[in-house]
Amino acid sequence: MATLSDDEVAAVSAPGVGPHPLPWPDGERYDPELLAEGDRRNVSDTYRYLTVEAIVADLDTRRQPLHVAIQNWEHDFNIGSMVRTANAFNVGGVHIIGRRRWNRRGAMVTDRYLTVQHHASVADFATWLSAEAYTAVGVDNLAGAVPLETTELPERACLVFGSEGPGLTDELVTVCQQLVAITQYGSTRSINAGAAAAIAMYHWALRWAR
């Protein structure tokens, strides 16, 4: 059985639009191939037929100050989901800590539209936090964590998530200036890491998104 590429998966997952009617709009912002064949990408109508470079340039004018960091020890599929959500909130950047290679399938090629920065170690990540004056906020149901829903996150926050299952490592917890947990009401001990990331980003956006 043939395996679909990330581009093909994204194409079949969104209906998109067909070829642009003539006359075509002018300007280097537009992709001639998309104008001729249609734009099947999972992008908002505002960005139909535009090149990736044009979309990124527009997003760069209004990035949110929020950053997101994810530990990558197990080639976790949830990383792709987190990146896709980070794109939806137009965060200032995503940080992958640990292994450089990560499972991009869940990102649905949205990693093209934001900055993904790799840190080989927790120490490297801590150096970035200090240099950029960001507050690391660990999201995990650990001892000492306070309820996310009653916490006002700082504007220059970097939400930090662990791998699915083991969660945040002790080493990464030490660089977090705050720990928050999502209150749960059922029987399971924890919720999916991708879902937790979406909830935490939305909580930050309620206070700070512009």
N, C-alpha and C. Protein backbone atom coordinates (compact mmCIF):
# COMPACT_ATOMS: atom_id res chain seq x y z
N MET A 1 0.84 -1.19 0.00
CA MET A 1 0.00 0.00 0.00
C MET A 1 0.88 1.25 0.00
N ALA A 2 0.57 2.18 -0.88
CA ALA A 2 1.36 3.41 -0.96
C ALA A 2 1.08 4.29 0.26
N THR A 3 2.11 4.98 0.71
CA THR A 3 1.98 5.88 1.85
C THR A 3 1.88 7.31 1.35
N LEU A 4 0.87 8.02 1.84
CA LEU A 4 0.69 9.41 1.42
C LEU A 4 1.75 10.29 2.06
N SER A 5 2.20 11.28 1.31
CA SER A 5 3.11 12.28 1.87
C SER A 5 2.32 13.22 2.76
N ASP A 6 3.04 14.05 3.55
CA ASP A 6 2.35 15.01 4.41
C ASP A 6 1.51 15.98 3.58
N ASP A 7 2.04 16.39 2.42
CA ASP A 7 1.29 17.29 1.55
C ASP A 7 0.00 16.64 1.06
N GLU A 8 0.09 15.36 0.71
CA GLU A 8 -1.09 14.66 0.20
C GLU A 8 -2.13 14.45 1.30
N VAL A 9 -1.66 14.16 2.50
CA VAL A 9 -2.59 14.01 3.62
C VAL A 9 -3.33 15.32 3.86
N ALA A 10 -2.59 16.44 3.85
CA ALA A 10 -3.21 17.74 4.06
C ALA A 10 -4.20 18.06 2.95
N ALA A 11 -3.86 17.68 1.72
CA ALA A 11 -4.71 17.99 0.58
C ALA A 11 -6.05 17.28 0.65
N VAL A 12 -6.03 16.01 1.04
CA VAL A 12 -7.28 15.24 1.07
C VAL A 12 -8.09 15.53 2.34
N SER A 13 -7.48 16.22 3.29
CA SER A 13 -8.17 16.50 4.55
C SER A 13 -8.93 17.83 4.51
N ALA A 14 -8.74 18.63 3.47
CA ALA A 14 -9.42 19.91 3.36
C ALA A 14 -9.93 20.07 1.94
N PRO A 15 -11.18 20.46 1.76
CA PRO A 15 -11.74 20.55 0.41
C PRO A 15 -11.08 21.60 -0.46
N GLY A 16 -10.69 22.73 0.13
CA GLY A 16 -10.02 23.75 -0.63
C GLY A 16 -10.91 24.38 -1.70
N VAL A 17 -10.25 24.97 -2.70
CA VAL A 17 -10.96 25.64 -3.80
C VAL A 17 -10.33 25.22 -5.12
N GLY A 18 -11.08 25.37 -6.19
CA GLY A 18 -10.58 25.02 -7.51
C GLY A 18 -9.75 26.13 -8.12
N PRO A 19 -9.44 26.00 -9.41
CA PRO A 19 -8.64 27.03 -10.10
C PRO A 19 -9.27 28.41 -9.97
N HIS A 20 -8.43 29.42 -9.90
CA HIS A 20 -8.92 30.80 -9.78
C HIS A 20 -9.46 31.27 -11.13
N PRO A 21 -10.64 31.87 -11.14
CA PRO A 21 -11.18 32.36 -12.42
C PRO A 21 -10.31 33.46 -13.01
N LEU A 22 -10.30 33.53 -14.32
CA LEU A 22 -9.57 34.59 -15.00
C LEU A 22 -10.35 35.90 -14.92
N PRO A 23 -9.67 37.04 -14.89
CA PRO A 23 -8.21 37.20 -14.89
C PRO A 23 -7.62 36.91 -13.51
N TRP A 24 -6.38 36.41 -13.47
CA TRP A 24 -5.72 36.11 -12.22
C TRP A 24 -5.25 37.40 -11.53
N PRO A 25 -5.21 37.40 -10.22
CA PRO A 25 -4.66 38.55 -9.50
C PRO A 25 -3.15 38.66 -9.76
N ASP A 26 -2.65 39.89 -9.77
CA ASP A 26 -1.23 40.11 -10.01
C ASP A 26 -0.46 40.13 -8.70
N GLY A 27 0.84 39.93 -8.81
CA GLY A 27 1.71 40.06 -7.65
C GLY A 27 2.46 38.79 -7.33
N GLU A 28 3.66 38.96 -6.75
CA GLU A 28 4.50 37.82 -6.41
C GLU A 28 3.95 37.03 -5.23
N ARG A 29 2.96 37.57 -4.55
CA ARG A 29 2.37 36.87 -3.41
C ARG A 29 1.62 35.62 -3.86
N TYR A 30 1.20 35.59 -5.11
CA TYR A 30 0.37 34.50 -5.60
C TYR A 30 1.21 33.40 -6.25
N ASP A 31 0.79 32.16 -6.03
CA ASP A 31 1.46 30.99 -6.58
C ASP A 31 0.77 30.62 -7.89
N PRO A 32 1.46 30.74 -9.03
CA PRO A 32 0.84 30.46 -10.32
C PRO A 32 0.27 29.04 -10.42
N GLU A 33 0.95 28.08 -9.81
CA GLU A 33 0.47 26.70 -9.86
C GLU A 33 -0.86 26.55 -9.12
N LEU A 34 -0.97 27.21 -7.98
CA LEU A 34 -2.22 27.15 -7.22
C LEU A 34 -3.35 27.86 -7.96
N LEU A 35 -3.02 28.97 -8.58
CA LEU A 35 -4.04 29.70 -9.35
C LEU A 35 -4.58 28.84 -10.48
N ALA A 36 -3.68 28.07 -11.09
CA ALA A 36 -4.07 27.27 -12.26
C ALA A 36 -4.78 25.98 -11.87
N GLU A 37 -4.33 25.35 -10.77
CA GLU A 37 -4.83 24.02 -10.44
C GLU A 37 -5.76 23.98 -9.23
N GLY A 38 -5.82 25.06 -8.50
CA GLY A 38 -6.63 25.09 -7.29
C GLY A 38 -5.78 24.99 -6.04
N ASP A 39 -6.33 25.44 -4.94
CA ASP A 39 -5.61 25.45 -3.67
C ASP A 39 -6.31 24.51 -2.70
N ARG A 40 -5.73 23.33 -2.49
CA ARG A 40 -6.33 22.32 -1.62
C ARG A 40 -5.71 22.30 -0.23
N ARG A 41 -4.94 23.30 0.09
CA ARG A 41 -4.28 23.33 1.40
C ARG A 41 -5.27 23.66 2.51
N ASN A 42 -4.92 23.28 3.72
CA ASN A 42 -5.73 23.59 4.89
C ASN A 42 -5.36 24.98 5.41
N VAL A 43 -5.75 26.00 4.65
CA VAL A 43 -5.50 27.39 5.04
C VAL A 43 -6.82 28.15 5.01
N SER A 44 -6.86 29.25 5.75
CA SER A 44 -8.07 30.07 5.76
C SER A 44 -8.25 30.74 4.40
N ASP A 45 -9.47 31.20 4.13
CA ASP A 45 -9.76 31.82 2.84
C ASP A 45 -8.88 33.02 2.57
N THR A 46 -8.45 33.70 3.61
CA THR A 46 -7.57 34.87 3.45
C THR A 46 -6.29 34.52 2.71
N TYR A 47 -5.83 33.27 2.87
CA TYR A 47 -4.55 32.88 2.31
C TYR A 47 -4.66 31.99 1.08
N ARG A 48 -5.83 31.86 0.52
CA ARG A 48 -5.98 31.04 -0.69
C ARG A 48 -5.12 31.59 -1.83
N TYR A 49 -4.43 30.69 -2.49
CA TYR A 49 -3.61 30.95 -3.68
C TYR A 49 -2.30 31.69 -3.38
N LEU A 50 -2.06 32.04 -2.11
CA LEU A 50 -0.81 32.72 -1.78
C LEU A 50 0.33 31.72 -1.60
N THR A 51 1.55 32.15 -1.85
CA THR A 51 2.72 31.31 -1.61
C THR A 51 2.91 31.13 -0.11
N VAL A 52 3.64 30.08 0.26
CA VAL A 52 3.95 29.86 1.67
C VAL A 52 4.69 31.07 2.24
N GLU A 53 5.62 31.61 1.46
CA GLU A 53 6.42 32.76 1.92
C GLU A 53 5.53 33.97 2.20
N ALA A 54 4.52 34.18 1.37
CA ALA A 54 3.62 35.32 1.57
C ALA A 54 2.76 35.12 2.82
N ILE A 55 2.34 33.88 3.05
CA ILE A 55 1.54 33.60 4.24
C ILE A 55 2.37 33.82 5.50
N VAL A 56 3.60 33.30 5.50
CA VAL A 56 4.47 33.45 6.67
C VAL A 56 4.75 34.93 6.93
N ALA A 57 5.00 35.70 5.88
CA ALA A 57 5.28 37.12 6.05
C ALA A 57 4.11 37.85 6.70
N ASP A 58 2.89 37.48 6.32
CA ASP A 58 1.72 38.12 6.92
C ASP A 58 1.57 37.68 8.38
N LEU A 59 1.73 36.39 8.66
CA LEU A 59 1.63 35.90 10.03
C LEU A 59 2.67 36.55 10.93
N ASP A 60 3.86 36.81 10.38
CA ASP A 60 4.94 37.40 11.16
C ASP A 60 4.59 38.80 11.67
N THR A 61 3.68 39.48 11.00
CA THR A 61 3.32 40.83 11.41
C THR A 61 2.44 40.84 12.66
N ARG A 62 1.92 39.67 13.04
CA ARG A 62 1.00 39.63 14.18
C ARG A 62 1.17 38.36 15.02
N ARG A 63 2.40 37.91 15.16
CA ARG A 63 2.65 36.76 16.02
C ARG A 63 2.29 37.08 17.46
N GLN A 64 1.77 36.09 18.16
CA GLN A 64 1.51 36.25 19.58
C GLN A 64 2.82 36.06 20.35
N PRO A 65 2.95 36.69 21.52
CA PRO A 65 4.18 36.52 22.30
C PRO A 65 4.30 35.14 22.95
N LEU A 66 3.26 34.34 22.89
CA LEU A 66 3.30 32.99 23.48
C LEU A 66 4.27 32.08 22.73
N HIS A 67 5.02 31.27 23.48
CA HIS A 67 5.86 30.21 22.91
C HIS A 67 5.44 28.88 23.52
N VAL A 68 5.78 27.80 22.84
CA VAL A 68 5.42 26.45 23.29
C VAL A 68 6.65 25.56 23.17
N ALA A 69 6.93 24.79 24.20
CA ALA A 69 8.06 23.87 24.18
C ALA A 69 7.57 22.44 24.45
N ILE A 70 8.19 21.50 23.75
CA ILE A 70 7.75 20.10 23.82
C ILE A 70 8.98 19.20 23.94
N GLN A 71 8.97 18.31 24.92
CA GLN A 71 10.04 17.33 25.02
C GLN A 71 9.83 16.24 23.96
N ASN A 72 10.91 15.83 23.35
CA ASN A 72 10.84 14.82 22.28
C ASN A 72 11.80 13.68 22.58
N TRP A 73 11.35 12.78 23.45
CA TRP A 73 12.19 11.64 23.78
C TRP A 73 11.69 10.36 23.10
N GLU A 74 10.45 10.33 22.67
CA GLU A 74 9.86 9.08 22.20
C GLU A 74 9.23 9.16 20.80
N HIS A 75 9.61 10.15 20.01
CA HIS A 75 9.03 10.31 18.67
C HIS A 75 7.51 10.33 18.75
N ASP A 76 7.02 11.15 19.66
CA ASP A 76 5.61 11.19 20.02
C ASP A 76 4.76 11.80 18.91
N PHE A 77 3.70 11.10 18.52
CA PHE A 77 2.79 11.60 17.49
C PHE A 77 2.11 12.89 17.94
N ASN A 78 1.94 13.08 19.25
CA ASN A 78 1.27 14.28 19.75
C ASN A 78 2.01 15.56 19.43
N ILE A 79 3.29 15.49 19.17
CA ILE A 79 4.05 16.69 18.84
C ILE A 79 3.45 17.38 17.61
N GLY A 80 3.12 16.59 16.61
CA GLY A 80 2.52 17.16 15.41
C GLY A 80 1.22 17.87 15.71
N SER A 81 0.40 17.27 16.56
CA SER A 81 -0.87 17.88 16.96
C SER A 81 -0.63 19.19 17.69
N MET A 82 0.38 19.22 18.56
CA MET A 82 0.69 20.44 19.29
C MET A 82 1.14 21.55 18.35
N VAL A 83 1.96 21.18 17.36
CA VAL A 83 2.44 22.18 16.40
C VAL A 83 1.27 22.73 15.59
N ARG A 84 0.35 21.87 15.21
CA ARG A 84 -0.81 22.33 14.45
C ARG A 84 -1.64 23.32 15.28
N THR A 85 -1.82 23.03 16.57
CA THR A 85 -2.55 23.94 17.43
C THR A 85 -1.77 25.24 17.63
N ALA A 86 -0.45 25.15 17.76
CA ALA A 86 0.38 26.34 17.90
C ALA A 86 0.23 27.25 16.69
N ASN A 87 0.12 26.65 15.50
CA ASN A 87 -0.11 27.44 14.30
C ASN A 87 -1.46 28.13 14.36
N ALA A 88 -2.49 27.42 14.85
CA ALA A 88 -3.82 28.00 14.95
C ALA A 88 -3.84 29.23 15.85
N PHE A 89 -3.00 29.24 16.89
CA PHE A 89 -2.93 30.38 17.78
C PHE A 89 -1.83 31.37 17.37
N ASN A 90 -1.14 31.08 16.26
CA ASN A 90 -0.10 31.95 15.71
C ASN A 90 0.93 32.33 16.76
N VAL A 91 1.45 31.32 17.45
CA VAL A 91 2.43 31.56 18.51
C VAL A 91 3.74 32.07 17.92
N GLY A 92 4.53 32.68 18.80
CA GLY A 92 5.80 33.22 18.37
C GLY A 92 6.83 32.18 18.00
N GLY A 93 6.69 30.96 18.52
CA GLY A 93 7.64 29.91 18.19
C GLY A 93 7.34 28.62 18.94
N VAL A 94 7.81 27.52 18.36
CA VAL A 94 7.70 26.20 18.98
C VAL A 94 9.12 25.68 19.21
N HIS A 95 9.34 25.08 20.37
CA HIS A 95 10.66 24.58 20.74
C HIS A 95 10.59 23.07 20.96
N ILE A 96 11.42 22.35 20.25
CA ILE A 96 11.53 20.90 20.41
C ILE A 96 12.78 20.62 21.22
N ILE A 97 12.61 19.98 22.37
CA ILE A 97 13.74 19.70 23.26
C ILE A 97 14.06 18.21 23.21
N GLY A 98 15.31 17.89 22.88
CA GLY A 98 15.72 16.49 22.81
C GLY A 98 16.05 16.09 21.39
N ARG A 99 15.40 15.05 20.90
CA ARG A 99 15.66 14.56 19.55
C ARG A 99 15.25 15.60 18.51
N ARG A 100 16.09 15.77 17.50
CA ARG A 100 15.80 16.75 16.46
C ARG A 100 14.64 16.30 15.58
N ARG A 101 14.62 15.01 15.23
CA ARG A 101 13.56 14.50 14.37
C ARG A 101 12.29 14.27 15.18
N TRP A 102 11.17 14.69 14.64
CA TRP A 102 9.90 14.47 15.33
C TRP A 102 8.84 14.08 14.30
N ASN A 103 7.78 13.47 14.76
CA ASN A 103 6.73 12.95 13.89
C ASN A 103 5.86 14.11 13.38
N ARG A 104 6.05 14.47 12.12
CA ARG A 104 5.38 15.63 11.55
C ARG A 104 3.99 15.33 11.00
N ARG A 105 3.60 14.09 10.94
CA ARG A 105 2.34 13.75 10.29
C ARG A 105 1.15 14.51 10.89
N GLY A 106 1.08 14.58 12.22
CA GLY A 106 -0.04 15.25 12.85
C GLY A 106 -0.05 16.75 12.66
N ALA A 107 1.09 17.32 12.25
CA ALA A 107 1.17 18.77 12.05
C ALA A 107 0.45 19.21 10.79
N MET A 108 0.18 18.28 9.87
CA MET A 108 -0.51 18.61 8.63
C MET A 108 0.16 19.77 7.90
N VAL A 109 1.48 19.74 7.85
CA VAL A 109 2.38 20.71 7.20
C VAL A 109 2.27 22.12 7.77
N THR A 110 1.61 22.30 8.93
CA THR A 110 1.51 23.63 9.50
C THR A 110 2.84 24.13 10.06
N ASP A 111 3.83 23.23 10.22
CA ASP A 111 5.13 23.67 10.70
C ASP A 111 5.81 24.60 9.70
N ARG A 112 5.32 24.66 8.46
CA ARG A 112 5.88 25.58 7.47
C ARG A 112 5.55 27.03 7.79
N TYR A 113 4.55 27.24 8.60
CA TYR A 113 4.04 28.59 8.82
C TYR A 113 4.47 29.20 10.14
N LEU A 114 5.33 28.52 10.89
CA LEU A 114 5.84 29.09 12.13
C LEU A 114 7.28 28.65 12.34
N THR A 115 7.91 29.25 13.32
CA THR A 115 9.31 28.93 13.62
C THR A 115 9.39 27.76 14.59
N VAL A 116 10.08 26.71 14.18
CA VAL A 116 10.31 25.55 15.04
C VAL A 116 11.80 25.51 15.37
N GLN A 117 12.12 25.67 16.63
CA GLN A 117 13.52 25.75 17.08
C GLN A 117 13.87 24.50 17.87
N HIS A 118 15.05 23.94 17.59
CA HIS A 118 15.48 22.73 18.27
C HIS A 118 16.48 23.06 19.37
N HIS A 119 16.33 22.39 20.50
CA HIS A 119 17.29 22.49 21.61
C HIS A 119 17.75 21.08 21.95
N ALA A 120 19.01 20.82 21.84
CA ALA A 120 19.54 19.47 22.06
C ALA A 120 19.40 19.03 23.51
N SER A 121 19.35 19.98 24.42
CA SER A 121 19.29 19.64 25.84
C SER A 121 18.41 20.64 26.59
N VAL A 122 18.04 20.26 27.79
CA VAL A 122 17.28 21.16 28.65
C VAL A 122 18.10 22.40 28.97
N ALA A 123 19.40 22.23 29.13
CA ALA A 123 20.28 23.37 29.42
C ALA A 123 20.24 24.39 28.28
N ASP A 124 20.25 23.90 27.04
CA ASP A 124 20.16 24.81 25.90
C ASP A 124 18.84 25.58 25.92
N PHE A 125 17.77 24.89 26.25
CA PHE A 125 16.47 25.53 26.33
C PHE A 125 16.45 26.58 27.44
N ALA A 126 17.03 26.26 28.58
CA ALA A 126 17.08 27.20 29.70
C ALA A 126 17.86 28.45 29.32
N THR A 127 18.89 28.29 28.52
CA THR A 127 19.67 29.44 28.06
C THR A 127 18.81 30.35 27.20
N TRP A 128 18.00 29.76 26.32
CA TRP A 128 17.10 30.55 25.49
C TRP A 128 16.10 31.31 26.34
N LEU A 129 15.51 30.64 27.33
CA LEU A 129 14.54 31.29 28.21
C LEU A 129 15.14 32.53 28.87
N SER A 130 16.35 32.38 29.38
CA SER A 130 17.01 33.48 30.07
C SER A 130 17.32 34.63 29.11
N ALA A 131 17.82 34.29 27.92
CA ALA A 131 18.20 35.31 26.95
C ALA A 131 17.00 36.10 26.45
N GLU A 132 15.85 35.44 26.33
CA GLU A 132 14.65 36.09 25.78
C GLU A 132 13.68 36.56 26.87
N ALA A 133 14.04 36.37 28.13
CA ALA A 133 13.21 36.80 29.27
C ALA A 133 11.81 36.19 29.22
N TYR A 134 11.76 34.87 29.01
CA TYR A 134 10.49 34.16 28.99
C TYR A 134 10.32 33.36 30.28
N THR A 135 9.09 33.24 30.72
CA THR A 135 8.75 32.45 31.89
C THR A 135 8.29 31.07 31.43
N ALA A 136 8.99 30.03 31.86
CA ALA A 136 8.61 28.66 31.52
C ALA A 136 7.50 28.20 32.46
N VAL A 137 6.39 27.77 31.86
CA VAL A 137 5.25 27.28 32.63
C VAL A 137 5.03 25.82 32.27
N GLY A 138 5.34 24.91 33.18
CA GLY A 138 5.14 23.50 32.94
C GLY A 138 3.68 23.13 33.07
N VAL A 139 3.18 22.33 32.13
CA VAL A 139 1.78 21.89 32.16
C VAL A 139 1.76 20.39 32.39
N ASP A 140 1.44 19.99 33.62
CA ASP A 140 1.43 18.57 33.98
C ASP A 140 0.76 18.44 35.34
N ASN A 141 0.15 17.31 35.60
CA ASN A 141 -0.53 17.12 36.89
C ASN A 141 0.45 16.56 37.92
N LEU A 142 1.43 17.38 38.24
CA LEU A 142 2.47 17.00 39.19
C LEU A 142 2.17 17.59 40.56
N ALA A 143 2.81 17.05 41.57
CA ALA A 143 2.68 17.61 42.92
C ALA A 143 3.14 19.05 42.91
N GLY A 144 2.36 19.93 43.50
CA GLY A 144 2.72 21.34 43.55
C GLY A 144 2.14 22.18 42.42
N ALA A 145 1.55 21.53 41.43
CA ALA A 145 0.95 22.27 40.32
C ALA A 145 -0.35 22.92 40.78
N VAL A 146 -0.61 24.14 40.31
CA VAL A 146 -1.84 24.85 40.66
C VAL A 146 -2.82 24.73 39.51
N PRO A 147 -4.12 24.87 39.76
CA PRO A 147 -5.11 24.72 38.70
C PRO A 147 -4.92 25.76 37.59
N LEU A 148 -4.85 25.31 36.37
CA LEU A 148 -4.68 26.22 35.24
C LEU A 148 -5.82 27.23 35.18
N GLU A 149 -7.04 26.76 35.39
CA GLU A 149 -8.21 27.61 35.18
C GLU A 149 -8.30 28.78 36.16
N THR A 150 -7.56 28.73 37.27
CA THR A 150 -7.57 29.84 38.22
C THR A 150 -6.24 30.60 38.22
N THR A 151 -5.41 30.32 37.23
CA THR A 151 -4.08 30.94 37.15
C THR A 151 -4.01 31.91 35.98
N GLU A 152 -3.51 33.11 36.22
CA GLU A 152 -3.25 34.04 35.12
C GLU A 152 -1.82 33.82 34.66
N LEU A 153 -1.68 33.33 33.47
CA LEU A 153 -0.36 33.08 32.91
C LEU A 153 0.29 34.39 32.50
N PRO A 154 1.62 34.47 32.57
CA PRO A 154 2.30 35.69 32.13
C PRO A 154 2.19 35.86 30.61
N GLU A 155 2.24 37.10 30.16
CA GLU A 155 2.15 37.35 28.72
C GLU A 155 3.31 36.69 27.97
N ARG A 156 4.52 36.85 28.49
CA ARG A 156 5.70 36.24 27.86
C ARG A 156 5.91 34.85 28.48
N ALA A 157 4.95 33.99 28.21
CA ALA A 157 5.01 32.63 28.73
C ALA A 157 5.48 31.66 27.66
N CYS A 158 6.19 30.65 28.09
CA CYS A 158 6.52 29.51 27.24
C CYS A 158 5.91 28.29 27.91
N LEU A 159 4.83 27.78 27.35
CA LEU A 159 4.18 26.60 27.89
C LEU A 159 5.02 25.38 27.58
N VAL A 160 5.29 24.57 28.59
CA VAL A 160 6.21 23.44 28.45
C VAL A 160 5.45 22.13 28.67
N PHE A 161 5.59 21.22 27.72
CA PHE A 161 4.87 19.94 27.78
C PHE A 161 5.86 18.79 27.68
N GLY A 162 5.55 17.71 28.37
CA GLY A 162 6.36 16.51 28.31
C GLY A 162 5.85 15.55 27.26
N SER A 163 6.51 14.43 27.12
CA SER A 163 6.07 13.40 26.19
C SER A 163 4.81 12.73 26.72
N GLU A 164 4.02 12.20 25.80
CA GLU A 164 2.81 11.46 26.19
C GLU A 164 3.21 10.29 27.10
N GLY A 165 2.55 10.16 28.22
CA GLY A 165 2.85 9.07 29.15
C GLY A 165 3.72 9.53 30.30
N PRO A 166 5.04 9.65 30.08
CA PRO A 166 5.92 10.02 31.20
C PRO A 166 5.77 11.47 31.65
N GLY A 167 5.30 12.34 30.78
CA GLY A 167 5.15 13.74 31.15
C GLY A 167 6.48 14.46 31.25
N LEU A 168 6.49 15.55 32.01
CA LEU A 168 7.70 16.35 32.16
C LEU A 168 8.75 15.58 32.95
N THR A 169 10.00 15.65 32.49
CA THR A 169 11.09 15.04 33.24
C THR A 169 11.46 15.94 34.41
N ASP A 170 12.09 15.36 35.41
CA ASP A 170 12.52 16.14 36.58
C ASP A 170 13.45 17.28 36.16
N GLU A 171 14.31 17.02 35.19
CA GLU A 171 15.26 18.04 34.75
C GLU A 171 14.53 19.24 34.16
N LEU A 172 13.49 19.00 33.38
CA LEU A 172 12.77 20.11 32.77
C LEU A 172 11.91 20.85 33.79
N VAL A 173 11.40 20.12 34.78
CA VAL A 173 10.62 20.76 35.83
C VAL A 173 11.45 21.81 36.56
N THR A 174 12.74 21.56 36.71
CA THR A 174 13.60 22.50 37.45
C THR A 174 13.73 23.85 36.76
N VAL A 175 13.51 23.92 35.44
CA VAL A 175 13.63 25.20 34.75
C VAL A 175 12.28 25.91 34.63
N CYS A 176 11.22 25.24 35.06
CA CYS A 176 9.90 25.85 35.00
C CYS A 176 9.68 26.73 36.23
N GLN A 177 9.30 27.96 36.00
CA GLN A 177 9.04 28.89 37.10
C GLN A 177 7.63 28.74 37.66
N GLN A 178 6.76 28.09 36.90
CA GLN A 178 5.42 27.79 37.35
C GLN A 178 5.03 26.40 36.88
N LEU A 179 4.16 25.74 37.66
CA LEU A 179 3.59 24.47 37.26
C LEU A 179 2.07 24.58 37.36
N VAL A 180 1.38 24.22 36.26
CA VAL A 180 -0.07 24.25 36.28
C VAL A 180 -0.61 22.90 35.84
N ALA A 181 -1.82 22.59 36.29
CA ALA A 181 -2.47 21.34 35.93
C ALA A 181 -3.91 21.64 35.51
N ILE A 182 -4.41 20.86 34.58
CA ILE A 182 -5.78 21.00 34.10
C ILE A 182 -6.68 20.13 34.98
N THR A 183 -7.62 20.75 35.66
CA THR A 183 -8.51 20.01 36.54
C THR A 183 -9.36 19.03 35.73
N GLN A 184 -9.44 17.80 36.22
CA GLN A 184 -10.22 16.76 35.55
C GLN A 184 -11.30 16.23 36.49
N TYR A 185 -12.34 15.67 35.90
CA TYR A 185 -13.50 15.26 36.68
C TYR A 185 -13.89 13.80 36.46
N GLY A 186 -13.09 13.07 35.70
CA GLY A 186 -13.39 11.68 35.43
C GLY A 186 -12.43 10.74 36.13
N SER A 187 -12.29 9.52 35.59
CA SER A 187 -11.50 8.50 36.25
C SER A 187 -10.06 8.42 35.75
N THR A 188 -9.79 8.95 34.56
CA THR A 188 -8.45 8.82 34.01
C THR A 188 -7.47 9.73 34.75
N ARG A 189 -6.23 9.29 34.82
CA ARG A 189 -5.22 10.05 35.56
C ARG A 189 -4.79 11.30 34.80
N SER A 190 -4.76 11.21 33.47
CA SER A 190 -4.28 12.35 32.67
C SER A 190 -5.01 12.38 31.34
N ILE A 191 -4.94 13.54 30.68
CA ILE A 191 -5.54 13.65 29.36
C ILE A 191 -4.44 13.67 28.31
N ASN A 192 -4.83 13.45 27.07
CA ASN A 192 -3.90 13.42 25.95
C ASN A 192 -3.06 14.70 25.91
N ALA A 193 -1.77 14.55 25.63
CA ALA A 193 -0.87 15.70 25.64
C ALA A 193 -1.26 16.74 24.61
N GLY A 194 -1.73 16.29 23.44
CA GLY A 194 -2.16 17.23 22.42
C GLY A 194 -3.37 18.03 22.88
N ALA A 195 -4.31 17.37 23.55
CA ALA A 195 -5.49 18.05 24.07
C ALA A 195 -5.11 19.03 25.18
N ALA A 196 -4.20 18.63 26.04
CA ALA A 196 -3.75 19.51 27.12
C ALA A 196 -3.10 20.77 26.56
N ALA A 197 -2.33 20.62 25.50
CA ALA A 197 -1.68 21.77 24.89
C ALA A 197 -2.71 22.74 24.33
N ALA A 198 -3.74 22.21 23.68
CA ALA A 198 -4.78 23.07 23.12
C ALA A 198 -5.51 23.84 24.22
N ILE A 199 -5.82 23.16 25.32
CA ILE A 199 -6.51 23.82 26.44
C ILE A 199 -5.64 24.93 27.02
N ALA A 200 -4.35 24.65 27.22
CA ALA A 200 -3.45 25.64 27.83
C ALA A 200 -3.25 26.85 26.93
N MET A 201 -3.11 26.61 25.63
CA MET A 201 -2.95 27.74 24.70
C MET A 201 -4.21 28.60 24.68
N TYR A 202 -5.37 27.95 24.70
CA TYR A 202 -6.62 28.71 24.71
C TYR A 202 -6.75 29.53 25.99
N HIS A 203 -6.36 28.94 27.11
CA HIS A 203 -6.41 29.67 28.39
C HIS A 203 -5.54 30.91 28.33
N TRP A 204 -4.33 30.78 27.78
CA TRP A 204 -3.46 31.95 27.63
C TRP A 204 -4.10 32.98 26.71
N ALA A 205 -4.69 32.52 25.60
CA ALA A 205 -5.27 33.43 24.62
C ALA A 205 -6.43 34.24 25.18
N LEU A 206 -7.21 33.65 26.09
CA LEU A 206 -8.32 34.37 26.67
C LEU A 206 -7.86 35.67 27.35
N ARG A 207 -6.65 35.66 27.88
CA ARG A 207 -6.13 36.83 28.59
C ARG A 207 -5.28 37.73 27.70
N TRP A 208 -4.49 37.13 26.79
CA TRP A 208 -3.45 37.92 26.15
C TRP A 208 -3.53 38.04 24.63
N ALA A 209 -4.28 37.19 23.96
CA ALA A 209 -4.26 37.18 22.49
C ALA A 209 -4.73 38.52 21.95
N ARG A 210 -4.06 38.95 20.89
CA ARG A 210 -4.40 40.22 20.27
C ARG A 210 -4.38 40.08 18.76
